[in-house]
């Protein structure tokens, strides 16, 4: 399911670190804009050392939490986007976020199986 369609079909929750941490590691996440019907930028895995794997863009080099806000980071550890809303979709998480340089635009990170497209 694509990000914008999933957004309409899921239940909302405020993203909290305790919700995300148990599923963050060892899962694949599809990354892309919330408002596009087909395009996906790619898949990534979040590593326990604060790095990302599988998606090669400087703005998504790493990750961390600031209070309960999940953030994607550049290599210099400066945040580039924040994720503070979560939705459930058939038992999986979909995170809604926005880039810090364009707060009117939305990204999504959707938890998927390795076999999913």
Protein backbone atom coordinates (compact mmCIF):
# COMPACT_ATOMS: atom_id res chain seq x y z
CA UNK A 1 0.00 0.00 0.00
CA UNK A 2 1.29 3.42 -0.85
CA UNK A 3 1.93 6.04 1.80
CA UNK A 4 -0.92 8.39 1.01
CA UNK A 5 -3.48 5.58 0.76
CA UNK A 6 -2.29 4.02 4.01
CA UNK A 7 -2.59 7.37 5.73
CA UNK A 8 -6.35 7.31 5.09
CA UNK A 9 -6.87 3.75 6.33
CA UNK A 10 -5.01 3.55 9.60
CA UNK A 11 -5.47 4.55 13.20
CA UNK A 12 -3.54 7.53 14.52
CA UNK A 13 -1.26 7.73 17.54
CA UNK A 14 1.22 10.29 18.73
CA UNK A 15 4.65 8.83 18.05
CA UNK A 16 6.54 7.95 21.19
CA UNK A 17 9.97 6.41 21.52
CA UNK A 18 8.57 3.42 23.43
CA UNK A 19 6.26 2.66 20.48
CA UNK A 20 8.97 2.89 17.82
CA UNK A 21 12.04 1.35 19.45
CA UNK A 22 10.75 -2.27 19.58
CA UNK A 23 10.16 -2.30 15.79
CA UNK A 24 12.83 0.11 14.59
CA UNK A 25 15.70 -2.37 14.32
CA UNK A 26 15.58 -5.45 12.12
CA UNK A 27 12.81 -4.12 9.90
CA UNK A 28 12.89 -2.60 6.46
CA UNK A 29 11.30 0.82 5.97
CA UNK A 30 10.06 2.27 2.66
CA UNK A 31 10.85 5.96 2.43
CA UNK A 32 9.12 8.54 0.28
CA UNK A 33 6.84 11.55 0.05
CA UNK A 34 3.33 11.31 1.49
CA UNK A 35 1.68 12.96 -1.51
CA UNK A 36 2.98 10.82 -4.37
CA UNK A 37 0.87 7.94 -5.67
CA UNK A 38 3.58 5.67 -7.01
CA UNK A 39 7.09 7.00 -6.52
CA UNK A 40 9.18 5.66 -3.67
CA UNK A 41 12.65 6.88 -2.98
CA UNK A 42 13.91 3.62 -1.57
CA UNK A 43 14.18 1.27 1.36
CA UNK A 44 16.31 1.64 4.45
CA UNK A 45 17.20 -0.19 7.64
CA UNK A 46 17.95 1.58 10.91
CA UNK A 47 21.06 0.28 12.65
CA UNK A 48 21.55 0.29 16.43
CA UNK A 49 24.62 2.52 16.08
CA UNK A 50 22.50 5.43 14.80
CA UNK A 51 23.26 4.89 11.11
CA UNK A 52 20.95 4.06 8.23
CA UNK A 53 21.65 1.36 5.67
CA UNK A 54 20.35 0.82 2.16
CA UNK A 55 19.38 4.36 1.23
CA UNK A 56 22.26 6.50 0.06
CA UNK A 57 21.39 10.14 0.50
CA UNK A 58 23.35 12.59 2.70
CA UNK A 59 20.17 13.85 4.41
CA UNK A 60 19.35 10.35 5.69
CA UNK A 61 22.80 9.30 6.88
CA UNK A 62 21.72 8.57 10.45
CA UNK A 63 18.93 8.80 12.98
CA UNK A 64 18.25 9.61 16.63
CA UNK A 65 15.57 10.64 19.09
CA UNK A 66 15.24 14.09 20.58
CA UNK A 67 12.83 13.59 23.46
CA UNK A 68 10.11 11.53 21.76
CA UNK A 69 10.74 12.90 18.27
CA UNK A 70 12.38 10.53 15.78
CA UNK A 71 14.79 12.39 13.50
CA UNK A 72 16.77 11.63 10.35
CA UNK A 73 20.23 13.20 10.35
CA UNK A 74 23.03 14.31 8.06
CA UNK A 75 26.53 12.92 8.61
CA UNK A 76 27.34 15.95 10.81
CA UNK A 77 24.41 14.81 13.06
CA UNK A 78 22.26 17.83 12.16
CA UNK A 79 18.58 16.84 11.79
CA UNK A 80 17.03 17.05 8.33
CA UNK A 81 13.53 15.71 9.03
CA UNK A 82 11.39 14.88 12.05
CA UNK A 83 8.72 12.23 12.59
CA UNK A 84 6.23 12.84 15.36
CA UNK A 85 3.11 11.04 14.17
CA UNK A 86 2.52 7.31 13.73
CA UNK A 87 -0.25 5.22 12.28
CA UNK A 88 -0.87 1.50 12.33
CA UNK A 89 -1.47 -0.31 9.07
CA UNK A 90 -2.29 -4.00 9.36
CA UNK A 91 -0.05 -4.38 12.39
CA UNK A 92 2.81 -2.31 10.96
CA UNK A 93 3.84 1.26 11.59
CA UNK A 94 3.69 4.17 9.19
CA UNK A 95 5.55 7.27 10.38
CA UNK A 96 4.59 10.71 9.14
CA UNK A 97 7.31 13.34 9.10
CA UNK A 98 8.43 16.54 7.50
CA UNK A 99 11.70 18.05 6.33
CA UNK A 100 12.94 20.90 8.48
CA UNK A 101 13.58 23.07 5.42
CA UNK A 102 10.02 22.61 4.05
CA UNK A 103 7.48 22.00 6.85
CA UNK A 104 4.55 22.03 4.39
CA UNK A 105 5.83 18.86 2.70
CA UNK A 106 5.38 15.43 4.30
CA UNK A 107 7.45 12.24 4.17
CA UNK A 108 6.52 8.77 5.27
CA UNK A 109 8.46 5.81 6.56
CA UNK A 110 6.44 2.61 6.22
CA UNK A 111 7.47 -0.63 7.89
CA UNK A 112 7.50 -3.48 5.34
CA UNK A 113 8.54 -7.10 5.03
CA UNK A 114 11.71 -7.88 3.10
CA UNK A 115 9.57 -9.40 0.35
CA UNK A 116 7.29 -6.35 -0.05
CA UNK A 117 7.79 -4.06 -3.02
